[in-house]
Amino acid sequence: MAFVVKNHSFSDGNKRIAAYLFVWFMDKNAILYTKHGAKRIADNALVALTLMIAESKSEEKDTMIKVIVNLINSNN
């Protein structure tokens, strides 16, 4: 997600595409929902996370990746 947002892989829609790819990745790896059926990351949190990554500095990349990994950690 961070790489698509920050590297401007597409001419337009980088944040939307990155958010979709993140949700798709979570779905394909069976981590989109908790064991109780709730979304692991709420829609508004996904928007905030995407914007946070977009506004972050390049040198904060490792921190942003750690945030994402911690959010999708199945132990949370």
PDB file of N, CA and C in Angstrom:
ATOM      1  N   MET A   1       0.825  -1.185   0.000  1.00  0.00           N
ATOM      2  CA  MET A   1       0.000   0.000   0.000  1.00  0.00           C
ATOM      3  C   MET A   1       0.874   1.255   0.000  1.00  0.00           C
ATOM      4  N   ALA A   2       1.847   1.275   0.871  1.00  0.00           N
ATOM      5  CA  ALA A   2       2.713   2.449   0.986  1.00  0.00           C
ATOM      6  C   ALA A   2       3.438   2.733  -0.326  1.00  0.00           C
ATOM      7  N   PHE A   3       3.893   1.695  -1.001  1.00  0.00           N
ATOM      8  CA  PHE A   3       4.648   1.890  -2.239  1.00  0.00           C
ATOM      9  C   PHE A   3       3.770   2.431  -3.359  1.00  0.00           C
ATOM     10  N   VAL A   4       2.539   1.976  -3.451  1.00  0.00           N
ATOM     11  CA  VAL A   4       1.642   2.468  -4.504  1.00  0.00           C
ATOM     12  C   VAL A   4       1.295   3.925  -4.247  1.00  0.00           C
ATOM     13  N   VAL A   5       1.034   4.279  -2.984  1.00  0.00           N
ATOM     14  CA  VAL A   5       0.684   5.659  -2.657  1.00  0.00           C
ATOM     15  C   VAL A   5       1.865   6.594  -2.884  1.00  0.00           C
ATOM     16  N   LYS A   6       3.022   6.219  -2.389  1.00  0.00           N
ATOM     17  CA  LYS A   6       4.177   7.117  -2.415  1.00  0.00           C
ATOM     18  C   LYS A   6       4.918   7.140  -3.747  1.00  0.00           C
ATOM     19  N   ASN A   7       4.936   6.038  -4.467  1.00  0.00           N
ATOM     20  CA  ASN A   7       5.710   5.981  -5.707  1.00  0.00           C
ATOM     21  C   ASN A   7       4.935   6.460  -6.928  1.00  0.00           C
ATOM     22  N   HIS A   8       3.671   6.792  -6.760  1.00  0.00           N
ATOM     23  CA  HIS A   8       2.828   7.264  -7.862  1.00  0.00           C
ATOM     24  C   HIS A   8       2.908   6.319  -9.055  1.00  0.00           C
ATOM     25  N   SER A   9       2.606   5.063  -8.759  1.00  0.00           N
ATOM     26  CA  SER A   9       2.688   4.016  -9.782  1.00  0.00           C
ATOM     27  C   SER A   9       1.742   4.240 -10.953  1.00  0.00           C
ATOM     28  N   PHE A  10       0.641   4.929 -10.699  1.00  0.00           N
ATOM     29  CA  PHE A  10      -0.367   5.161 -11.735  1.00  0.00           C
ATOM     30  C   PHE A  10      -0.492   6.664 -11.979  1.00  0.00           C
ATOM     31  N   SER A  11      -1.004   7.043 -13.112  1.00  0.00           N
ATOM     32  CA  SER A  11      -1.103   8.465 -13.424  1.00  0.00           C
ATOM     33  C   SER A  11      -2.183   9.160 -12.590  1.00  0.00           C
ATOM     34  N   ASP A  12      -3.156   8.410 -12.117  1.00  0.00           N
ATOM     35  CA  ASP A  12      -4.221   8.993 -11.303  1.00  0.00           C
ATOM     36  C   ASP A  12      -4.805   7.909 -10.405  1.00  0.00           C
ATOM     37  N   GLY A  13      -5.320   8.301  -9.262  1.00  0.00           N
ATOM     38  CA  GLY A  13      -6.008   7.373  -8.384  1.00  0.00           C
ATOM     39  C   GLY A  13      -5.104   6.512  -7.527  1.00  0.00           C
ATOM     40  N   ASN A  14      -3.893   6.960  -7.277  1.00  0.00           N
ATOM     41  CA  ASN A  14      -2.947   6.143  -6.520  1.00  0.00           C
ATOM     42  C   ASN A  14      -3.472   5.747  -5.143  1.00  0.00           C
ATOM     43  N   LYS A  15      -4.079   6.689  -4.428  1.00  0.00           N
ATOM     44  CA  LYS A  15      -4.569   6.384  -3.086  1.00  0.00           C
ATOM     45  C   LYS A  15      -5.738   5.403  -3.140  1.00  0.00           C
ATOM     46  N   ARG A  16      -6.645   5.606  -4.070  1.00  0.00           N
ATOM     47  CA  ARG A  16      -7.791   4.688  -4.201  1.00  0.00           C
ATOM     48  C   ARG A  16      -7.335   3.300  -4.609  1.00  0.00           C
ATOM     49  N   ILE A  17      -6.421   3.233  -5.547  1.00  0.00           N
ATOM     50  CA  ILE A  17      -5.911   1.940  -6.008  1.00  0.00           C
ATOM     51  C   ILE A  17      -5.166   1.243  -4.879  1.00  0.00           C
ATOM     52  N   ALA A  18      -4.367   1.980  -4.137  1.00  0.00           N
ATOM     53  CA  ALA A  18      -3.625   1.389  -3.017  1.00  0.00           C
ATOM     54  C   ALA A  18      -4.571   0.857  -1.946  1.00  0.00           C
ATOM     55  N   ALA A  19      -5.606   1.610  -1.630  1.00  0.00           N
ATOM     56  CA  ALA A  19      -6.574   1.162  -0.626  1.00  0.00           C
ATOM     57  C   ALA A  19      -7.280  -0.110  -1.111  1.00  0.00           C
ATOM     58  N   TYR A  20      -7.667  -0.137  -2.383  1.00  0.00           N
ATOM     59  CA  TYR A  20      -8.304  -1.339  -2.929  1.00  0.00           C
ATOM     60  C   TYR A  20      -7.354  -2.534  -2.872  1.00  0.00           C
ATOM     61  N   LEU A  21      -6.115  -2.332  -3.283  1.00  0.00           N
ATOM     62  CA  LEU A  21      -5.142  -3.428  -3.262  1.00  0.00           C
ATOM     63  C   LEU A  21      -4.925  -3.946  -1.839  1.00  0.00           C
ATOM     64  N   PHE A  22      -4.935  -3.054  -0.871  1.00  0.00           N
ATOM     65  CA  PHE A  22      -4.763  -3.441   0.524  1.00  0.00           C
ATOM     66  C   PHE A  22      -5.946  -4.301   0.989  1.00  0.00           C
ATOM     67  N   VAL A  23      -7.153  -3.875   0.675  1.00  0.00           N
ATOM     68  CA  VAL A  23      -8.343  -4.660   1.036  1.00  0.00           C
ATOM     69  C   VAL A  23      -8.332  -5.992   0.301  1.00  0.00           C
ATOM     70  N   TRP A  24      -7.976  -5.987  -0.967  1.00  0.00           N
ATOM     71  CA  TRP A  24      -7.895  -7.226  -1.749  1.00  0.00           C
ATOM     72  C   TRP A  24      -6.869  -8.179  -1.145  1.00  0.00           C
ATOM     73  N   PHE A  25      -5.689  -7.661  -0.774  1.00  0.00           N
ATOM     74  CA  PHE A  25      -4.647  -8.464  -0.139  1.00  0.00           C
ATOM     75  C   PHE A  25      -5.166  -9.084   1.155  1.00  0.00           C
ATOM     76  N   MET A  26      -5.840  -8.271   1.959  1.00  0.00           N
ATOM     77  CA  MET A  26      -6.367  -8.788   3.226  1.00  0.00           C
ATOM     78  C   MET A  26      -7.409  -9.881   2.987  1.00  0.00           C
ATOM     79  N   ASP A  27      -8.263  -9.679   1.981  1.00  0.00           N
ATOM     80  CA  ASP A  27      -9.285 -10.674   1.662  1.00  0.00           C
ATOM     81  C   ASP A  27      -8.642 -11.973   1.180  1.00  0.00           C
ATOM     82  N   LYS A  28      -7.697 -11.879   0.279  1.00  0.00           N
ATOM     83  CA  LYS A  28      -7.042 -13.075  -0.273  1.00  0.00           C
ATOM     84  C   LYS A  28      -6.257 -13.847   0.780  1.00  0.00           C
ATOM     85  N   ASN A  29      -5.832 -13.165   1.841  1.00  0.00           N
ATOM     86  CA  ASN A  29      -5.079 -13.818   2.907  1.00  0.00           C
ATOM     87  C   ASN A  29      -5.941 -14.109   4.136  1.00  0.00           C
ATOM     88  N   ALA A  30      -7.255 -13.999   3.953  1.00  0.00           N
ATOM     89  CA  ALA A  30      -8.244 -14.310   5.000  1.00  0.00           C
ATOM     90  C   ALA A  30      -7.999 -13.529   6.291  1.00  0.00           C
ATOM     91  N   ILE A  31      -7.605 -12.259   6.150  1.00  0.00           N
ATOM     92  CA  ILE A  31      -7.417 -11.419   7.331  1.00  0.00           C
ATOM     93  C   ILE A  31      -8.242 -10.135   7.255  1.00  0.00           C
ATOM     94  N   LEU A  32      -9.173 -10.066   6.328  1.00  0.00           N
ATOM     95  CA  LEU A  32     -10.019  -8.880   6.193  1.00  0.00           C
ATOM     96  C   LEU A  32     -10.980  -8.767   7.367  1.00  0.00           C
ATOM     97  N   TYR A  33     -11.437  -9.901   7.862  1.00  0.00           N
ATOM     98  CA  TYR A  33     -12.394  -9.931   8.971  1.00  0.00           C
ATOM     99  C   TYR A  33     -11.801 -10.654  10.171  1.00  0.00           C
ATOM    100  N   THR A  34     -12.264 -10.259  11.349  1.00  0.00           N
ATOM    101  CA  THR A  34     -11.858 -10.958  12.563  1.00  0.00           C
ATOM    102  C   THR A  34     -12.594 -12.286  12.634  1.00  0.00           C
ATOM    103  N   LYS A  35     -12.242 -13.094  13.600  1.00  0.00           N
ATOM    104  CA  LYS A  35     -12.916 -14.392  13.734  1.00  0.00           C
ATOM    105  C   LYS A  35     -14.378 -14.235  14.120  1.00  0.00           C
ATOM    106  N   HIS A  36     -14.765 -13.033  14.567  1.00  0.00           N
ATOM    107  CA  HIS A  36     -16.160 -12.758  14.924  1.00  0.00           C
ATOM    108  C   HIS A  36     -16.939 -12.127  13.779  1.00  0.00           C
ATOM    109  N   GLY A  37     -16.288 -11.938  12.634  1.00  0.00           N
ATOM    110  CA  GLY A  37     -16.958 -11.417  11.443  1.00  0.00           C
ATOM    111  C   GLY A  37     -16.904  -9.908  11.265  1.00  0.00           C
ATOM    112  N   ALA A  38     -16.252  -9.195  12.161  1.00  0.00           N
ATOM    113  CA  ALA A  38     -16.127  -7.742  12.030  1.00  0.00           C
ATOM    114  C   ALA A  38     -14.929  -7.412  11.146  1.00  0.00           C
ATOM    115  N   LYS A  39     -15.009  -6.280  10.452  1.00  0.00           N
ATOM    116  CA  LYS A  39     -13.866  -5.848   9.648  1.00  0.00           C
ATOM    117  C   LYS A  39     -12.687  -5.572  10.565  1.00  0.00           C
ATOM    118  N   ARG A  40     -11.520  -6.027  10.176  1.00  0.00           N
ATOM    119  CA  ARG A  40     -10.319  -5.785  10.976  1.00  0.00           C
ATOM    120  C   ARG A  40      -9.970  -4.293  10.978  1.00  0.00           C
ATOM    121  N   ILE A  41     -10.172  -3.623   9.852  1.00  0.00           N
ATOM    122  CA  ILE A  41      -9.927  -2.186   9.745  1.00  0.00           C
ATOM    123  C   ILE A  41     -11.195  -1.547   9.177  1.00  0.00           C
ATOM    124  N   ALA A  42     -11.769  -0.609   9.915  1.00  0.00           N
ATOM    125  CA  ALA A  42     -12.988   0.076   9.479  1.00  0.00           C
ATOM    126  C   ALA A  42     -12.698   0.924   8.243  1.00  0.00           C
ATOM    127  N   ASP A  43     -13.739   1.203   7.473  1.00  0.00           N
ATOM    128  CA  ASP A  43     -13.577   1.981   6.241  1.00  0.00           C
ATOM    129  C   ASP A  43     -12.939   3.342   6.503  1.00  0.00           C
ATOM    130  N   ASN A  44     -13.411   4.037   7.539  1.00  0.00           N
ATOM    131  CA  ASN A  44     -12.850   5.361   7.815  1.00  0.00           C
ATOM    132  C   ASN A  44     -11.400   5.267   8.288  1.00  0.00           C
ATOM    133  N   ALA A  45     -11.036   4.184   8.955  1.00  0.00           N
ATOM    134  CA  ALA A  45      -9.642   3.982   9.362  1.00  0.00           C
ATOM    135  C   ALA A  45      -8.768   3.717   8.134  1.00  0.00           C
ATOM    136  N   LEU A  46      -9.306   3.019   7.147  1.00  0.00           N
ATOM    137  CA  LEU A  46      -8.560   2.762   5.912  1.00  0.00           C
ATOM    138  C   LEU A  46      -8.286   4.071   5.174  1.00  0.00           C
ATOM    139  N   VAL A  47      -9.283   4.942   5.146  1.00  0.00           N
ATOM    140  CA  VAL A  47      -9.100   6.264   4.518  1.00  0.00           C
ATOM    141  C   VAL A  47      -8.026   7.041   5.267  1.00  0.00           C
ATOM    142  N   ALA A  48      -8.115   7.056   6.593  1.00  0.00           N
ATOM    143  CA  ALA A  48      -7.130   7.788   7.397  1.00  0.00           C
ATOM    144  C   ALA A  48      -5.728   7.219   7.217  1.00  0.00           C
ATOM    145  N   LEU A  49      -5.625   5.910   7.168  1.00  0.00           N
ATOM    146  CA  LEU A  49      -4.331   5.259   6.986  1.00  0.00           C
ATOM    147  C   LEU A  49      -3.735   5.611   5.624  1.00  0.00           C
ATOM    148  N   THR A  50      -4.549   5.591   4.590  1.00  0.00           N
ATOM    149  CA  THR A  50      -4.087   5.924   3.241  1.00  0.00           C
ATOM    150  C   THR A  50      -3.605   7.368   3.167  1.00  0.00           C
ATOM    151  N   LEU A  51      -4.369   8.280   3.763  1.00  0.00           N
ATOM    152  CA  LEU A  51      -3.966   9.685   3.757  1.00  0.00           C
ATOM    153  C   LEU A  51      -2.720   9.922   4.609  1.00  0.00           C
ATOM    154  N   MET A  52      -2.609   9.196   5.722  1.00  0.00           N
ATOM    155  CA  MET A  52      -1.426   9.318   6.564  1.00  0.00           C
ATOM    156  C   MET A  52      -0.172   8.906   5.784  1.00  0.00           C
ATOM    157  N   ILE A  53      -0.288   7.829   5.038  1.00  0.00           N
ATOM    158  CA  ILE A  53       0.837   7.372   4.221  1.00  0.00           C
ATOM    159  C   ILE A  53       1.156   8.395   3.137  1.00  0.00           C
ATOM    160  N   ALA A  54       0.126   8.930   2.496  1.00  0.00           N
ATOM    161  CA  ALA A  54       0.337   9.904   1.422  1.00  0.00           C
ATOM    162  C   ALA A  54       1.043  11.154   1.930  1.00  0.00           C
ATOM    163  N   GLU A  55       0.734  11.573   3.146  1.00  0.00           N
ATOM    164  CA  GLU A  55       1.311  12.790   3.698  1.00  0.00           C
ATOM    165  C   GLU A  55       2.634  12.561   4.418  1.00  0.00           C
ATOM    166  N   SER A  56       2.999  11.303   4.631  1.00  0.00           N
ATOM    167  CA  SER A  56       4.236  11.017   5.367  1.00  0.00           C
ATOM    168  C   SER A  56       5.465  11.337   4.519  1.00  0.00           C
ATOM    169  N   LYS A  57       6.569  11.545   5.200  1.00  0.00           N
ATOM    170  CA  LYS A  57       7.836  11.797   4.524  1.00  0.00           C
ATOM    171  C   LYS A  57       8.442  10.469   4.077  1.00  0.00           C
ATOM    172  N   SER A  58       9.235  10.507   3.043  1.00  0.00           N
ATOM    173  CA  SER A  58       9.854   9.288   2.507  1.00  0.00           C
ATOM    174  C   SER A  58      10.676   8.552   3.552  1.00  0.00           C
ATOM    175  N   GLU A  59      11.343   9.292   4.420  1.00  0.00           N
ATOM    176  CA  GLU A  59      12.163   8.643   5.442  1.00  0.00           C
ATOM    177  C   GLU A  59      11.330   7.981   6.539  1.00  0.00           C
ATOM    178  N   GLU A  60      10.027   8.188   6.538  1.00  0.00           N
ATOM    179  CA  GLU A  60       9.129   7.550   7.501  1.00  0.00           C
ATOM    180  C   GLU A  60       8.524   6.252   6.971  1.00  0.00           C
ATOM    181  N   LYS A  61       8.999   5.801   5.812  1.00  0.00           N
ATOM    182  CA  LYS A  61       8.452   4.609   5.156  1.00  0.00           C
ATOM    183  C   LYS A  61       8.446   3.394   6.080  1.00  0.00           C
ATOM    184  N   ASP A  62       9.552   3.135   6.756  1.00  0.00           N
ATOM    185  CA  ASP A  62       9.628   1.961   7.634  1.00  0.00           C
ATOM    186  C   ASP A  62       8.614   2.043   8.771  1.00  0.00           C
ATOM    187  N   THR A  63       8.413   3.234   9.300  1.00  0.00           N
ATOM    188  CA  THR A  63       7.418   3.419  10.358  1.00  0.00           C
ATOM    189  C   THR A  63       6.018   3.151   9.824  1.00  0.00           C
ATOM    190  N   MET A  64       5.718   3.641   8.632  1.00  0.00           N
ATOM    191  CA  MET A  64       4.394   3.420   8.042  1.00  0.00           C
ATOM    192  C   MET A  64       4.152   1.931   7.803  1.00  0.00           C
ATOM    193  N   ILE A  65       5.169   1.229   7.346  1.00  0.00           N
ATOM    194  CA  ILE A  65       5.032  -0.211   7.121  1.00  0.00           C
ATOM    195  C   ILE A  65       4.771  -0.930   8.441  1.00  0.00           C
ATOM    196  N   LYS A  66       5.465  -0.526   9.500  1.00  0.00           N
ATOM    197  CA  LYS A  66       5.242  -1.139  10.818  1.00  0.00           C
ATOM    198  C   LYS A  66       3.818  -0.894  11.307  1.00  0.00           C
ATOM    199  N   VAL A  67       3.295   0.294  11.062  1.00  0.00           N
ATOM    200  CA  VAL A  67       1.912   0.604  11.448  1.00  0.00           C
ATOM    201  C   VAL A  67       0.951  -0.331  10.727  1.00  0.00           C
ATOM    202  N   ILE A  68       1.138  -0.486   9.424  1.00  0.00           N
ATOM    203  CA  ILE A  68       0.261  -1.350   8.629  1.00  0.00           C
ATOM    204  C   ILE A  68       0.346  -2.796   9.117  1.00  0.00           C
ATOM    205  N   VAL A  69       1.554  -3.289   9.325  1.00  0.00           N
ATOM    206  CA  VAL A  69       1.729  -4.671   9.784  1.00  0.00           C
ATOM    207  C   VAL A  69       1.070  -4.873  11.137  1.00  0.00           C
ATOM    208  N   ASN A  70       1.213  -3.908  12.035  1.00  0.00           N
ATOM    209  CA  ASN A  70       0.582  -4.033  13.344  1.00  0.00           C
ATOM    210  C   ASN A  70      -0.942  -4.035  13.238  1.00  0.00           C
ATOM    211  N   LEU A  71      -1.497  -3.281  12.300  1.00  0.00           N
ATOM    212  CA  LEU A  71      -2.946  -3.251  12.139  1.00  0.00           C
ATOM    213  C   LEU A  71      -3.507  -4.559  11.611  1.00  0.00           C
ATOM    214  N   ILE A  72      -2.772  -5.241  10.752  1.00  0.00           N
ATOM    215  CA  ILE A  72      -3.300  -6.480  10.188  1.00  0.00           C
ATOM    216  C   ILE A  72      -2.845  -7.714  10.942  1.00  0.00           C
ATOM    217  N   ASN A  73      -2.045  -7.527  11.967  1.00  0.00           N
ATOM    218  CA  ASN A  73      -1.590  -8.639  12.790  1.00  0.00           C
ATOM    219  C   ASN A  73      -2.809  -9.371  13.353  1.00  0.00           C
ATOM    220  N   SER A  74      -2.889 -10.658  13.138  1.00  0.00           N
ATOM    221  CA  SER A  74      -4.061 -11.430  13.573  1.00  0.00           C
ATOM    222  C   SER A  74      -4.168 -11.526  15.093  1.00  0.00           C
ATOM    223  N   ASN A  75      -3.126 -11.177  15.820  1.00  0.00           N
ATOM    224  CA  ASN A  75      -3.185 -11.201  17.275  1.00  0.00           C
ATOM    225  C   ASN A  75      -3.842  -9.959  17.854  1.00  0.00           C
ATOM    226  N   ASN A  76      -4.114  -8.965  17.008  1.00  0.00           N
ATOM    227  CA  ASN A  76      -4.746  -7.726  17.479  1.00  0.00           C
ATOM    228  C   ASN A  76      -6.243  -7.824  17.416  1.00  0.00           C
TER     229      ASN A  76
END
